C-alpha atoms as a PDB file:
ATOM      1  CA  MET A   1      84.939 115.011  83.233  1.00  0.00           C
ATOM      2  CA  THR A   2      85.552 118.737  82.811  1.00  0.00           C
ATOM      3  CA  SER A   3      84.480 121.469  85.190  1.00  0.00           C
ATOM      4  CA  SER A   4      82.661 124.725  84.712  1.00  0.00           C
ATOM      5  CA  PRO A   5      84.760 127.499  83.140  1.00  0.00           C
ATOM      6  CA  SER A   6      85.059 129.327  86.461  1.00  0.00           C
ATOM      7  CA  ALA A   7      86.283 126.332  88.473  1.00  0.00           C
ATOM      8  CA  THR A   8      89.917 125.536  89.170  1.00  0.00           C
ATOM      9  CA  ASP A   9      90.205 121.894  90.110  1.00  0.00           C
ATOM     10  CA  LEU A  10      92.878 120.582  92.449  1.00  0.00           C
ATOM     11  CA  TYR A  11      95.173 117.639  91.670  1.00  0.00           C
ATOM     12  CA  CYS A  12      98.486 116.463  93.088  1.00  0.00           C
ATOM     13  CA  VAL A  13     101.243 113.890  93.107  1.00  0.00           C
ATOM     14  CA  MET A  14     101.749 112.017  96.378  1.00  0.00           C
ATOM     15  CA  GLY A  15     104.990 110.308  97.283  1.00  0.00           C
ATOM     16  CA  ASN A  16     107.980 110.086  99.577  1.00  0.00           C
ATOM     17  CA  PRO A  17     110.272 111.559  98.338  1.00  0.00           C
ATOM     18  CA  VAL A  18     108.416 113.854  95.953  1.00  0.00           C
ATOM     19  CA  ALA A  19     110.362 117.145  95.778  1.00  0.00           C
ATOM     20  CA  HIS A  20     112.097 116.018  92.571  1.00  0.00           C
ATOM     21  CA  SER A  21     108.844 115.337  90.704  1.00  0.00           C
ATOM     22  CA  ARG A  22     108.360 117.190  87.431  1.00  0.00           C
ATOM     23  CA  SER A  23     104.681 116.259  87.303  1.00  0.00           C
ATOM     24  CA  PRO A  24     103.435 119.736  88.402  1.00  0.00           C
ATOM     25  CA  ALA A  25     105.226 121.386  85.480  1.00  0.00           C
ATOM     26  CA  ILE A  26     103.941 118.762  83.051  1.00  0.00           C
ATOM     27  CA  HIS A  27     100.309 119.064  84.113  1.00  0.00           C
ATOM     28  CA  ALA A  28     100.480 122.864  84.231  1.00  0.00           C
ATOM     29  CA  ARG A  29     101.658 122.836  80.619  1.00  0.00           C
ATOM     30  CA  PHE A  30      98.993 120.303  79.622  1.00  0.00           C
ATOM     31  CA  ALA A  31      96.339 122.560  81.172  1.00  0.00           C
ATOM     32  CA  GLU A  32      97.715 125.620  79.393  1.00  0.00           C
ATOM     33  CA  LEU A  33      97.720 123.903  76.006  1.00  0.00           C
ATOM     34  CA  THR A  34      94.227 122.412  76.377  1.00  0.00           C
ATOM     35  CA  GLY A  35      92.480 125.328  78.093  1.00  0.00           C
ATOM     36  CA  GLN A  36      91.754 123.362  81.261  1.00  0.00           C
ATOM     37  CA  ARG A  37      91.586 125.143  84.616  1.00  0.00           C
ATOM     38  CA  LEU A  38      93.427 123.200  87.289  1.00  0.00           C
ATOM     39  CA  ARG A  39      96.065 123.442  89.992  1.00  0.00           C
ATOM     40  CA  TYR A  40      98.528 120.609  90.502  1.00  0.00           C
ATOM     41  CA  GLU A  41     100.732 120.271  93.588  1.00  0.00           C
ATOM     42  CA  ARG A  42     103.340 118.033  95.180  1.00  0.00           C
ATOM     43  CA  ARG A  43     102.321 116.363  98.440  1.00  0.00           C
ATOM     44  CA  LEU A  44     105.005 114.789 100.621  1.00  0.00           C
ATOM     45  CA  VAL A  45     103.287 111.960 102.500  1.00  0.00           C
ATOM     46  CA  ALA A  46     104.488 110.310 105.711  1.00  0.00           C
ATOM     47  CA  LEU A  47     105.411 106.686 105.115  1.00  0.00           C
ATOM     48  CA  ASP A  48     102.620 105.549 107.442  1.00  0.00           C
ATOM     49  CA  GLY A  49     100.150 108.244 106.408  1.00  0.00           C
ATOM     50  CA  PHE A  50      98.987 107.556 102.866  1.00  0.00           C
ATOM     51  CA  ALA A  51      95.318 106.775 103.540  1.00  0.00           C
ATOM     52  CA  GLN A  52      94.982 109.838 105.762  1.00  0.00           C
ATOM     53  CA  ALA A  53      96.702 112.014 103.164  1.00  0.00           C
ATOM     54  CA  VAL A  54      94.173 110.908 100.557  1.00  0.00           C
ATOM     55  CA  ARG A  55      91.266 111.658 102.906  1.00  0.00           C
ATOM     56  CA  ASP A  56      92.714 115.103 103.695  1.00  0.00           C
ATOM     57  CA  PHE A  57      93.252 115.891 100.038  1.00  0.00           C
ATOM     58  CA  ARG A  58      89.681 114.927  99.158  1.00  0.00           C
ATOM     59  CA  ALA A  59      88.409 117.102 102.008  1.00  0.00           C
ATOM     60  CA  GLU A  60      90.248 120.034 100.435  1.00  0.00           C
ATOM     61  CA  GLY A  61      88.347 119.452  97.205  1.00  0.00           C
ATOM     62  CA  GLY A  62      90.968 117.362  95.414  1.00  0.00           C
ATOM     63  CA  ARG A  63      89.698 115.720  92.236  1.00  0.00           C
ATOM     64  CA  GLY A  64      92.465 113.201  91.640  1.00  0.00           C
ATOM     65  CA  CYS A  65      96.084 112.385  92.266  1.00  0.00           C
ATOM     66  CA  ASN A  66      99.098 110.637  90.862  1.00  0.00           C
ATOM     67  CA  ILE A  67     100.891 108.208  93.152  1.00  0.00           C
ATOM     68  CA  THR A  68     104.607 107.569  93.161  1.00  0.00           C
ATOM     69  CA  VAL A  69     106.883 105.475  95.357  1.00  0.00           C
ATOM     70  CA  PRO A  70     106.298 103.908  97.783  1.00  0.00           C
ATOM     71  CA  PHE A  71     102.489 104.117  97.780  1.00  0.00           C
ATOM     72  CA  LYS A  72     101.373 102.447  94.526  1.00  0.00           C
ATOM     73  CA  PHE A  73     100.350  99.209  96.237  1.00  0.00           C
ATOM     74  CA  GLU A  74      98.448 101.105  98.953  1.00  0.00           C
ATOM     75  CA  ALA A  75      96.690 103.153  96.277  1.00  0.00           C
ATOM     76  CA  GLN A  76      95.353 100.003  94.679  1.00  0.00           C
ATOM     77  CA  ALA A  77      94.071  98.751  98.023  1.00  0.00           C
ATOM     78  CA  LEU A  78      92.349 102.056  98.744  1.00  0.00           C
ATOM     79  CA  ALA A  79      90.370 102.149  95.507  1.00  0.00           C
ATOM     80  CA  THR A  80      86.689 101.319  95.069  1.00  0.00           C
ATOM     81  CA  THR A  81      87.077 100.255  91.432  1.00  0.00           C
ATOM     82  CA  CYS A  82      90.249  99.301  89.578  1.00  0.00           C
ATOM     83  CA  SER A  83      91.086  99.044  85.892  1.00  0.00           C
ATOM     84  CA  GLU A  84      92.271  95.746  84.444  1.00  0.00           C
ATOM     85  CA  ARG A  85      95.777  97.219  84.373  1.00  0.00           C
ATOM     86  CA  VAL A  86      95.631  97.759  88.138  1.00  0.00           C
ATOM     87  CA  HIS A  87      94.327  94.245  88.772  1.00  0.00           C
ATOM     88  CA  LEU A  88      97.153  92.813  86.694  1.00  0.00           C
ATOM     89  CA  ALA A  89      99.904  94.937  88.258  1.00  0.00           C
ATOM     90  CA  GLY A  90      98.513  94.933  91.792  1.00  0.00           C
ATOM     91  CA  ALA A  91      99.458  98.610  91.917  1.00  0.00           C
ATOM     92  CA  ALA A  92      97.983 101.975  90.912  1.00  0.00           C
ATOM     93  CA  ASN A  93      99.578 105.290  90.015  1.00  0.00           C
ATOM     94  CA  THR A  94      96.442 107.317  89.291  1.00  0.00           C
ATOM     95  CA  LEU A  95      93.369 107.916  91.443  1.00  0.00           C
ATOM     96  CA  ARG A  96      90.214 109.699  90.366  1.00  0.00           C
ATOM     97  CA  PHE A  97      87.749 110.842  93.030  1.00  0.00           C
ATOM     98  CA  GLN A  98      84.128 110.496  91.982  1.00  0.00           C
ATOM     99  CA  PRO A  99      81.255 112.709  93.206  1.00  0.00           C
ATOM    100  CA  ASP A 100      79.600 109.701  94.884  1.00  0.00           C
ATOM    101  CA  GLY A 101      82.637 109.229  97.131  1.00  0.00           C
ATOM    102  CA  SER A 102      84.099 106.281  95.243  1.00  0.00           C
ATOM    103  CA  ILE A 103      87.737 106.112  94.142  1.00  0.00           C
ATOM    104  CA  GLN A 104      88.665 104.942  90.647  1.00  0.00           C
ATOM    105  CA  ALA A 105      92.204 103.573  90.215  1.00  0.00           C
ATOM    106  CA  ASP A 106      94.266 103.124  87.081  1.00  0.00           C
ATOM    107  CA  ASN A 107      97.885 102.397  86.238  1.00  0.00           C
ATOM    108  CA  THR A 108      99.159 104.504  83.351  1.00  0.00           C
ATOM    109  CA  ASP A 109     102.861 103.634  83.744  1.00  0.00           C
ATOM    110  CA  GLY A 110     102.879 100.870  81.151  1.00  0.00           C
ATOM    111  CA  LEU A 111     100.907 102.916  78.646  1.00  0.00           C
ATOM    112  CA  GLY A 112     103.414 105.718  79.093  1.00  0.00           C
ATOM    113  CA  LEU A 113     106.398 103.412  78.651  1.00  0.00           C
ATOM    114  CA  VAL A 114     105.025 101.783  75.514  1.00  0.00           C
ATOM    115  CA  ALA A 115     104.095 105.155  73.998  1.00  0.00           C
ATOM    116  CA  ASP A 116     107.564 106.557  74.634  1.00  0.00           C
ATOM    117  CA  ILE A 117     109.377 103.524  73.222  1.00  0.00           C
ATOM    118  CA  THR A 118     107.225 102.994  70.157  1.00  0.00           C
ATOM    119  CA  ARG A 119     106.141 106.518  69.264  1.00  0.00           C
ATOM    120  CA  ASN A 120     108.785 108.875  70.634  1.00  0.00           C
ATOM    121  CA  ALA A 121     111.850 106.630  70.303  1.00  0.00           C
ATOM    122  CA  GLY A 122     110.494 104.899  67.196  1.00  0.00           C
ATOM    123  CA  VAL A 123     111.421 101.408  68.415  1.00  0.00           C
ATOM    124  CA  PRO A 124     108.808  98.717  67.677  1.00  0.00           C
ATOM    125  CA  LEU A 125     107.817  96.309  70.433  1.00  0.00           C
ATOM    126  CA  GLN A 126     105.868  94.137  68.009  1.00  0.00           C
ATOM    127  CA  GLY A 127     107.978  91.012  67.584  1.00  0.00           C
ATOM    128  CA  ALA A 128     110.656  92.233  69.999  1.00  0.00           C
ATOM    129  CA  ARG A 129     112.707  90.313  72.557  1.00  0.00           C
ATOM    130  CA  VAL A 130     112.515  92.292  75.806  1.00  0.00           C
ATOM    131  CA  LEU A 131     114.450  92.083  79.067  1.00  0.00           C
ATOM    132  CA  LEU A 132     112.631  93.605  82.045  1.00  0.00           C
ATOM    133  CA  VAL A 133     115.006  94.151  84.951  1.00  0.00           C
ATOM    134  CA  GLY A 134     113.312  94.239  88.346  1.00  0.00           C
ATOM    135  CA  ALA A 135     110.148  92.724  89.800  1.00  0.00           C
ATOM    136  CA  GLY A 136     108.769  95.457  92.059  1.00  0.00           C
ATOM    137  CA  GLY A 137     105.904  97.858  91.519  1.00  0.00           C
ATOM    138  CA  ALA A 138     107.552  99.631  88.569  1.00  0.00           C
ATOM    139  CA  ALA A 139     108.084  96.375  86.690  1.00  0.00           C
ATOM    140  CA  ALA A 140     104.616  95.099  87.576  1.00  0.00           C
ATOM    141  CA  GLY A 141     103.065  98.252  86.146  1.00  0.00           C
ATOM    142  CA  VAL A 142     104.627  97.863  82.705  1.00  0.00           C
ATOM    143  CA  LEU A 143     104.810  94.119  82.029  1.00  0.00           C
ATOM    144  CA  GLY A 144     101.186  93.797  80.888  1.00  0.00           C
ATOM    145  CA  PRO A 145     101.299  96.674  78.378  1.00  0.00           C
ATOM    146  CA  VAL A 146     104.656  95.442  77.008  1.00  0.00           C
ATOM    147  CA  LEU A 147     103.099  92.036  76.340  1.00  0.00           C
ATOM    148  CA  GLN A 148     100.023  93.661  74.805  1.00  0.00           C
ATOM    149  CA  ALA A 149     102.277  95.755  72.553  1.00  0.00           C
ATOM    150  CA  GLY A 150     103.342  92.558  70.808  1.00  0.00           C
ATOM    151  CA  ALA A 151     106.644  91.508  72.357  1.00  0.00           C
ATOM    152  CA  VAL A 152     107.248  87.863  71.426  1.00  0.00           C
ATOM    153  CA  HIS A 153     109.570  87.187  74.347  1.00  0.00           C
ATOM    154  CA  VAL A 154     109.940  88.850  77.755  1.00  0.00           C
ATOM    155  CA  THR A 155     112.438  87.785  80.388  1.00  0.00           C
ATOM    156  CA  VAL A 156     111.960  89.199  83.880  1.00  0.00           C
ATOM    157  CA  ALA A 157     115.301  89.308  85.721  1.00  0.00           C
ATOM    158  CA  ASN A 158     115.532  90.043  89.423  1.00  0.00           C
ATOM    159  CA  ARG A 159     118.076  89.432  92.192  1.00  0.00           C
ATOM    160  CA  THR A 160     115.360  87.707  94.216  1.00  0.00           C
ATOM    161  CA  LEU A 161     114.267  85.091  91.710  1.00  0.00           C
ATOM    162  CA  ALA A 162     111.074  84.267  93.616  1.00  0.00           C
ATOM    163  CA  LYS A 163     109.772  87.808  93.019  1.00  0.00           C
ATOM    164  CA  ALA A 164     110.432  87.515  89.292  1.00  0.00           C
ATOM    165  CA  GLN A 165     108.685  84.146  89.235  1.00  0.00           C
ATOM    166  CA  ALA A 166     105.654  85.587  91.039  1.00  0.00           C
ATOM    167  CA  LEU A 167     105.414  88.434  88.522  1.00  0.00           C
ATOM    168  CA  VAL A 168     105.681  85.997  85.620  1.00  0.00           C
ATOM    169  CA  GLN A 169     103.024  83.761  87.145  1.00  0.00           C
ATOM    170  CA  SER A 170     100.580  86.654  87.549  1.00  0.00           C
ATOM    171  CA  HIS A 171     101.020  87.499  83.846  1.00  0.00           C
ATOM    172  CA  SER A 172     101.145  83.954  82.457  1.00  0.00           C
ATOM    173  CA  ALA A 173      97.566  83.962  81.188  1.00  0.00           C
ATOM    174  CA  LEU A 174      98.098  87.245  79.337  1.00  0.00           C
ATOM    175  CA  ALA A 175     101.355  85.958  77.843  1.00  0.00           C
ATOM    176  CA  ALA A 176      99.562  82.822  76.611  1.00  0.00           C
ATOM    177  CA  LEU A 177      96.803  84.961  75.111  1.00  0.00           C
ATOM    178  CA  GLN A 178      99.413  87.083  73.329  1.00  0.00           C
ATOM    179  CA  LYS A 179     101.336  83.957  72.259  1.00  0.00           C
ATOM    180  CA  ALA A 180     104.446  85.381  73.922  1.00  0.00           C
ATOM    181  CA  GLU A 181     107.194  83.546  75.784  1.00  0.00           C
ATOM    182  CA  LEU A 182     107.555  84.786  79.364  1.00  0.00           C
ATOM    183  CA  LEU A 183     110.433  83.702  81.613  1.00  0.00           C
ATOM    184  CA  ALA A 184     111.865  84.528  85.038  1.00  0.00           C
ATOM    185  CA  LEU A 185     115.631  84.392  85.556  1.00  0.00           C
ATOM    186  CA  SER A 186     118.246  85.625  87.972  1.00  0.00           C
ATOM    187  CA  PRO A 187     120.626  88.211  86.443  1.00  0.00           C
ATOM    188  CA  GLN A 188     123.605  85.830  86.455  1.00  0.00           C
ATOM    189  CA  ALA A 189     121.617  83.286  84.428  1.00  0.00           C
ATOM    190  CA  LEU A 190     121.011  85.661  81.514  1.00  0.00           C
ATOM    191  CA  GLU A 191     122.613  84.558  78.268  1.00  0.00           C
ATOM    192  CA  ALA A 192     120.809  85.910  75.218  1.00  0.00           C
ATOM    193  CA  ASP A 193     120.936  89.439  73.941  1.00  0.00           C
ATOM    194  CA  PHE A 194     117.743  91.481  73.641  1.00  0.00           C
ATOM    195  CA  ASP A 195     116.195  94.103  71.387  1.00  0.00           C
ATOM    196  CA  VAL A 196     114.981  96.190  74.328  1.00  0.00           C
ATOM    197  CA  ILE A 197     116.286  96.258  77.906  1.00  0.00           C
ATOM    198  CA  ILE A 198     114.093  98.063  80.454  1.00  0.00           C
ATOM    199  CA  ASN A 199     115.591  98.909  83.836  1.00  0.00           C
ATOM    200  CA  ALA A 200     112.752  99.041  86.355  1.00  0.00           C
ATOM    201  CA  THR A 201     115.083  99.030  89.361  1.00  0.00           C
ATOM    202  CA  ALA A 202     116.549 101.957  91.257  1.00  0.00           C
ATOM    203  CA  SER A 203     120.126 100.826  90.591  1.00  0.00           C
ATOM    204  CA  SER A 204     121.193 104.138  89.055  1.00  0.00           C
ATOM    205  CA  LEU A 205     119.648 106.097  91.892  1.00  0.00           C
ATOM    206  CA  ALA A 206     121.716 104.107  94.367  1.00  0.00           C
ATOM    207  CA  GLY A 207     124.887 104.658  92.350  1.00  0.00           C
ATOM    208  CA  ALA A 208     125.187 100.908  91.834  1.00  0.00           C
ATOM    209  CA  GLU A 209     126.617  99.002  88.909  1.00  0.00           C
ATOM    210  CA  ALA A 210     124.233  97.967  86.143  1.00  0.00           C
ATOM    211  CA  PRO A 211     121.959  95.229  87.512  1.00  0.00           C
ATOM    212  CA  VAL A 212     122.561  92.819  84.598  1.00  0.00           C
ATOM    213  CA  PRO A 213     125.672  91.668  82.701  1.00  0.00           C
ATOM    214  CA  ALA A 214     126.735  93.616  79.624  1.00  0.00           C
ATOM    215  CA  HIS A 215     126.305  90.675  77.259  1.00  0.00           C
ATOM    216  CA  VAL A 216     122.525  91.220  77.313  1.00  0.00           C
ATOM    217  CA  LEU A 217     123.231  94.254  75.120  1.00  0.00           C
ATOM    218  CA  ARG A 218     124.181  94.289  71.486  1.00  0.00           C
ATOM    219  CA  PRO A 219     124.885  97.188  69.128  1.00  0.00           C
ATOM    220  CA  GLY A 220     121.618  98.984  68.513  1.00  0.00           C
ATOM    221  CA  SER A 221     119.696  97.534  71.457  1.00  0.00           C
ATOM    222  CA  LEU A 222     117.492 100.080  73.205  1.00  0.00           C
ATOM    223  CA  ALA A 223     118.553 100.371  76.851  1.00  0.00           C
ATOM    224  CA  TYR A 224     115.768 102.154  78.694  1.00  0.00           C
ATOM    225  CA  ASP A 225     115.911 103.353  82.289  1.00  0.00           C
ATOM    226  CA  MET A 226     112.549 104.199  83.840  1.00  0.00           C
ATOM    227  CA  MET A 227     114.324 106.821  85.970  1.00  0.00           C
ATOM    228  CA  TYR A 228     115.087 110.192  84.424  1.00  0.00           C
ATOM    229  CA  GLY A 229     117.607 112.956  84.938  1.00  0.00           C
ATOM    230  CA  PRO A 230     120.680 112.310  87.124  1.00  0.00           C
ATOM    231  CA  ALA A 231     119.046 109.189  88.601  1.00  0.00           C
ATOM    232  CA  ALA A 232     119.295 107.415  85.237  1.00  0.00           C
ATOM    233  CA  GLN A 233     122.813 108.492  84.329  1.00  0.00           C
ATOM    234  CA  GLY A 234     124.714 105.453  85.577  1.00  0.00           C
ATOM    235  CA  PHE A 235     122.623 103.006  83.572  1.00  0.00           C
ATOM    236  CA  LEU A 236     122.683 105.196  80.462  1.00  0.00           C
ATOM    237  CA  ASP A 237     126.474 105.551  80.608  1.00  0.00           C
ATOM    238  CA  TRP A 238     126.836 101.770  80.989  1.00  0.00           C
ATOM    239  CA  ALA A 239     124.569 101.158  77.987  1.00  0.00           C
ATOM    240  CA  ARG A 240     126.439 103.682  75.842  1.00  0.00           C
ATOM    241  CA  ARG A 241     129.813 102.111  76.658  1.00  0.00           C
ATOM    242  CA  HIS A 242     128.547  98.788  75.327  1.00  0.00           C
ATOM    243  CA  GLY A 243     127.117 100.102  72.061  1.00  0.00           C
ATOM    244  CA  ALA A 244     123.447 100.223  73.001  1.00  0.00           C
ATOM    245  CA  VAL A 245     121.091 103.165  72.443  1.00  0.00           C
ATOM    246  CA  PRO A 246     120.393 104.750  75.858  1.00  0.00           C
ATOM    247  CA  ARG A 247     117.119 106.441  76.783  1.00  0.00           C
ATOM    248  CA  ASP A 248     115.870 107.743  80.105  1.00  0.00           C
ATOM    249  CA  GLY A 249     112.293 107.700  81.394  1.00  0.00           C
ATOM    250  CA  LEU A 250     111.371 111.359  80.923  1.00  0.00           C
ATOM    251  CA  GLY A 251     109.168 110.451  77.967  1.00  0.00           C
ATOM    252  CA  MET A 252     107.467 107.752  80.013  1.00  0.00           C
ATOM    253  CA  LEU A 253     106.787 110.337  82.724  1.00  0.00           C
ATOM    254  CA  VAL A 254     105.186 112.718  80.231  1.00  0.00           C
ATOM    255  CA  GLU A 255     103.193 110.019  78.455  1.00  0.00           C
ATOM    256  CA  GLN A 256     101.832 108.421  81.637  1.00  0.00           C
ATOM    257  CA  ALA A 257     100.875 111.919  82.814  1.00  0.00           C
ATOM    258  CA  ALA A 258      99.000 112.438  79.553  1.00  0.00           C
ATOM    259  CA  GLU A 259      96.995 109.255  80.186  1.00  0.00           C
ATOM    260  CA  ALA A 260      96.135 110.457  83.701  1.00  0.00           C
ATOM    261  CA  PHE A 261      95.154 113.883  82.347  1.00  0.00           C
ATOM    262  CA  LEU A 262      92.865 112.195  79.815  1.00  0.00           C
ATOM    263  CA  LEU A 263      91.259 110.118  82.589  1.00  0.00           C
ATOM    264  CA  TRP A 264      90.669 113.187  84.761  1.00  0.00           C
ATOM    265  CA  ARG A 265      89.731 115.790  82.153  1.00  0.00           C
ATOM    266  CA  GLY A 266      88.453 113.862  79.139  1.00  0.00           C
ATOM    267  CA  VAL A 267      90.981 115.665  76.925  1.00  0.00           C
ATOM    268  CA  ARG A 268      94.202 114.213  75.489  1.00  0.00           C
ATOM    269  CA  PRO A 269      97.043 116.740  75.796  1.00  0.00           C
ATOM    270  CA  PRO A 270      99.827 117.140  73.197  1.00  0.00           C
ATOM    271  CA  SER A 271     102.354 115.000  75.044  1.00  0.00           C
ATOM    272  CA  GLY A 272     104.883 114.944  72.223  1.00  0.00           C
ATOM    273  CA  GLN A 273     105.098 118.734  72.205  1.00  0.00           C
ATOM    274  CA  VAL A 274     105.511 118.906  75.982  1.00  0.00           C
ATOM    275  CA  LEU A 275     108.222 116.233  75.953  1.00  0.00           C
ATOM    276  CA  GLN A 276     110.124 118.118  73.253  1.00  0.00           C
ATOM    277  CA  GLU A 277     109.888 121.314  75.292  1.00  0.00           C
ATOM    278  CA  MET A 278     111.195 119.551  78.385  1.00  0.00           C
ATOM    279  CA  ARG A 279     114.060 117.946  76.473  1.00  0.00           C
ATOM    280  CA  GLN A 280     115.033 121.369  75.178  1.00  0.00           C
ATOM    281  CA  GLY A 281     114.784 122.890  78.653  1.00  0.00           C
ATOM    282  CA  ALA A 282     111.889 125.159  77.691  1.00  0.00           C
END
C-alpha cells in the first residue's frame, strides 16, 4: 500500500542491540530509487519491553517495522495474522500495521538468503546438499525457503541436538513434499562434505572457532555466514583457509529488506543495485 504524495510514512528496525544495523541506509536508498516517501529509524528496545515498544511506535504513526534479535519470536506472537513462512519458522522479522488495528507478520529472512545465494552469488540450490549450522531463530527462518528452493539434502547441525531435532521435525512435512532428505546431527557427528554451508549461529560474533569441523568443506563449497561485516570475519577466514568460497550475509540483509519494502509499499526496489553500491562503499 502506498501513501499520498505528501505523506512521509514512518518505519523502523527494532532490536537489542541495533546501533550496528544498516537497514536505515538500505531503506532510505530503496525509497530514493523508487520515489517512495518514508522515514526509517533504528529503535533500541528494552529486553522486556518489545510489546510496549510496538504499541508506542504505532501510536507515533508507524506503518511497519523490521525485527531483529532477540525479538523475532515475540513478534510472531504479537501478530494478528501470520504468513505461512512465519508459521513454519515460529518467528517473524517483518510487521505491517493495518488501518483496522491488526498486525500482519512475515518472515523475509529465508527469501533474502535464497535470493542472495542463487541470484547474487550465482550458486544453485536446486539439487544441492546443504549444511545449516544452528537451530535458533535465524536457522528456523531460512530452512523452509532453502527446502523450497530445491535442495535435495539438508542437515541441521547444532550443539544442542534436541533443538536441531525439533527444527527438523517442524519441517518434516515440507521436506517430504519437496522430496528432500532432512537430518539433524551434532557437529561432531558430521562426516560428508556439502555444496553449501550456512552459518546461522553467532560464532563469529563471539570470536569463537568455526562451529563445525573443516571436513564439511571441500574446494568450491559456498561457505555462507548470515552475519555481515566484522561479525562474519572469523567464519569467512576459516572457510577461505580450507578452500571454500566465503560469503557474508550483507546480500541477505539487502534482499530480505527488499521483500519487506515490497510488502509495505507494493513496489519492488532494485536490490541488486543497492547491494553493489554497499559492497563498493557508495
